[in-house]
Amino acid sequence: MADNITLSYIIATRNKLPYLKTGLKKLIAAKKPDEEILVADGASTDGTKEYLEELKKEGKIDFYLSEPDYAESHALNKLFLLANGTLIKIINDDIKPC
């Protein structure tokens, strides 16, 4: 992750792959070079981890982790500590798929 990041988008998710795909597609398309995307997956069983691995390999997201957490706030707290942006924006993963 770069040192010149001005905005970090953080997303906590668990077993909402169709919704996550919709939201991330839009976010990735709008992402600027001085922004980063970080995702915490609460050990999903619906293919989320594999999807995030692919996005990371392709350079479309900057960081992800997939491990059990206690709730959404626990996952977000992990990402707050990892974010490099001057500003941090929480993105919900509940955008209805089209």
Protein backbone atom coordinates (compact mmCIF):
# COMPACT_ATOMS: atom_id res chain seq x y z
CA MET A 1 0.00 0.00 0.00
CA ALA A 2 1.24 3.46 -0.88
CA ASP A 3 2.10 6.30 1.48
CA ASN A 4 0.30 8.97 -0.56
CA ILE A 5 -3.21 7.59 -0.06
CA THR A 6 -5.78 10.28 0.69
CA LEU A 7 -8.91 8.11 0.96
CA SER A 8 -9.37 4.56 2.20
CA TYR A 9 -12.61 2.71 1.46
CA ILE A 10 -13.25 -0.05 3.99
CA ILE A 11 -15.84 -2.79 3.63
CA ALA A 12 -16.84 -5.50 6.10
CA THR A 13 -18.74 -8.45 4.63
CA ARG A 14 -19.87 -11.99 5.32
CA ASN A 15 -21.78 -14.30 2.98
CA LYS A 16 -23.17 -11.52 0.78
CA LEU A 17 -21.24 -12.25 -2.41
CA PRO A 18 -23.89 -11.07 -4.93
CA TYR A 19 -24.23 -7.76 -3.08
CA LEU A 20 -20.48 -7.39 -2.63
CA LYS A 21 -19.88 -7.94 -6.36
CA THR A 22 -22.32 -5.17 -7.25
CA GLY A 23 -20.89 -2.69 -4.78
CA LEU A 24 -17.24 -3.43 -5.52
CA LYS A 25 -17.78 -3.24 -9.28
CA LYS A 26 -19.07 0.32 -8.91
CA LEU A 27 -16.42 1.29 -6.37
CA ILE A 28 -13.54 -0.11 -8.42
CA ALA A 29 -14.77 1.77 -11.50
CA ALA A 30 -14.82 5.05 -9.56
CA LYS A 31 -11.58 4.55 -7.60
CA LYS A 32 -8.86 7.17 -8.12
CA PRO A 33 -5.08 6.54 -7.97
CA ASP A 34 -4.74 8.09 -4.51
CA GLU A 35 -7.45 5.88 -3.02
CA GLU A 36 -7.39 2.35 -1.65
CA ILE A 37 -9.97 -0.38 -1.09
CA LEU A 38 -9.71 -2.71 1.91
CA VAL A 39 -12.14 -5.56 2.60
CA ALA A 40 -12.62 -7.70 5.71
CA ASP A 41 -14.49 -10.93 5.07
CA GLY A 42 -15.78 -12.70 8.17
CA ALA A 43 -14.85 -16.19 6.88
CA SER A 44 -17.63 -16.42 4.30
CA THR A 45 -18.63 -19.77 2.85
CA ASP A 46 -20.20 -18.45 -0.37
CA GLY A 47 -17.08 -17.87 -2.50
CA THR A 48 -16.30 -14.39 -1.18
CA LYS A 49 -12.72 -15.26 -0.24
CA GLU A 50 -11.96 -16.60 -3.72
CA TYR A 51 -13.56 -13.55 -5.34
CA LEU A 52 -11.48 -11.20 -3.19
CA GLU A 53 -8.30 -13.18 -3.92
CA GLU A 54 -8.92 -12.71 -7.64
CA LEU A 55 -9.55 -8.96 -7.27
CA LYS A 56 -6.35 -8.59 -5.26
CA LYS A 57 -4.36 -10.55 -7.89
CA GLU A 58 -5.76 -8.28 -10.59
CA GLY A 59 -4.81 -5.18 -8.59
CA LYS A 60 -8.41 -4.03 -8.27
CA ILE A 61 -8.41 -3.98 -4.48
CA ASP A 62 -5.49 -3.16 -2.23
CA PHE A 63 -6.04 -5.47 0.73
CA TYR A 64 -8.38 -8.13 1.99
CA LEU A 65 -8.51 -10.56 4.86
CA SER A 66 -10.78 -13.51 5.40
CA GLU A 67 -11.05 -14.69 8.99
CA PRO A 68 -13.73 -15.05 11.63
CA ASP A 69 -14.73 -11.91 13.46
CA TYR A 70 -17.21 -11.10 16.21
CA ALA A 71 -19.38 -8.72 14.21
CA GLU A 72 -19.23 -5.99 11.57
CA SER A 73 -17.70 -3.48 13.97
CA HIS A 74 -14.90 -5.91 14.84
CA ALA A 75 -14.11 -6.33 11.13
CA LEU A 76 -14.20 -2.58 10.54
CA ASN A 77 -11.88 -1.95 13.48
CA LYS A 78 -9.31 -4.28 11.89
CA LEU A 79 -9.51 -2.24 8.68
CA PHE A 80 -9.29 1.12 10.49
CA LEU A 81 -5.93 0.00 11.84
CA LEU A 82 -4.68 -1.04 8.39
CA ALA A 83 -5.96 1.90 6.34
CA ASN A 84 -3.39 4.38 5.00
CA GLY A 85 -5.77 7.13 3.93
CA THR A 86 -5.99 10.54 5.48
CA LEU A 87 -9.75 9.98 5.36
CA ILE A 88 -11.61 6.69 5.77
CA LYS A 89 -15.02 5.93 4.29
CA ILE A 90 -17.08 2.91 5.29
CA ILE A 91 -18.88 1.26 2.39
CA ASN A 92 -21.80 -1.09 3.08
CA ASP A 93 -21.97 -4.39 1.23
CA ASP A 94 -25.76 -4.40 0.96
CA ILE A 95 -26.26 -2.81 -2.44
CA LYS A 96 -29.01 -4.77 -4.16
CA PRO A 97 -27.70 -6.71 -7.19
CA CYS A 98 -29.11 -5.62 -10.55
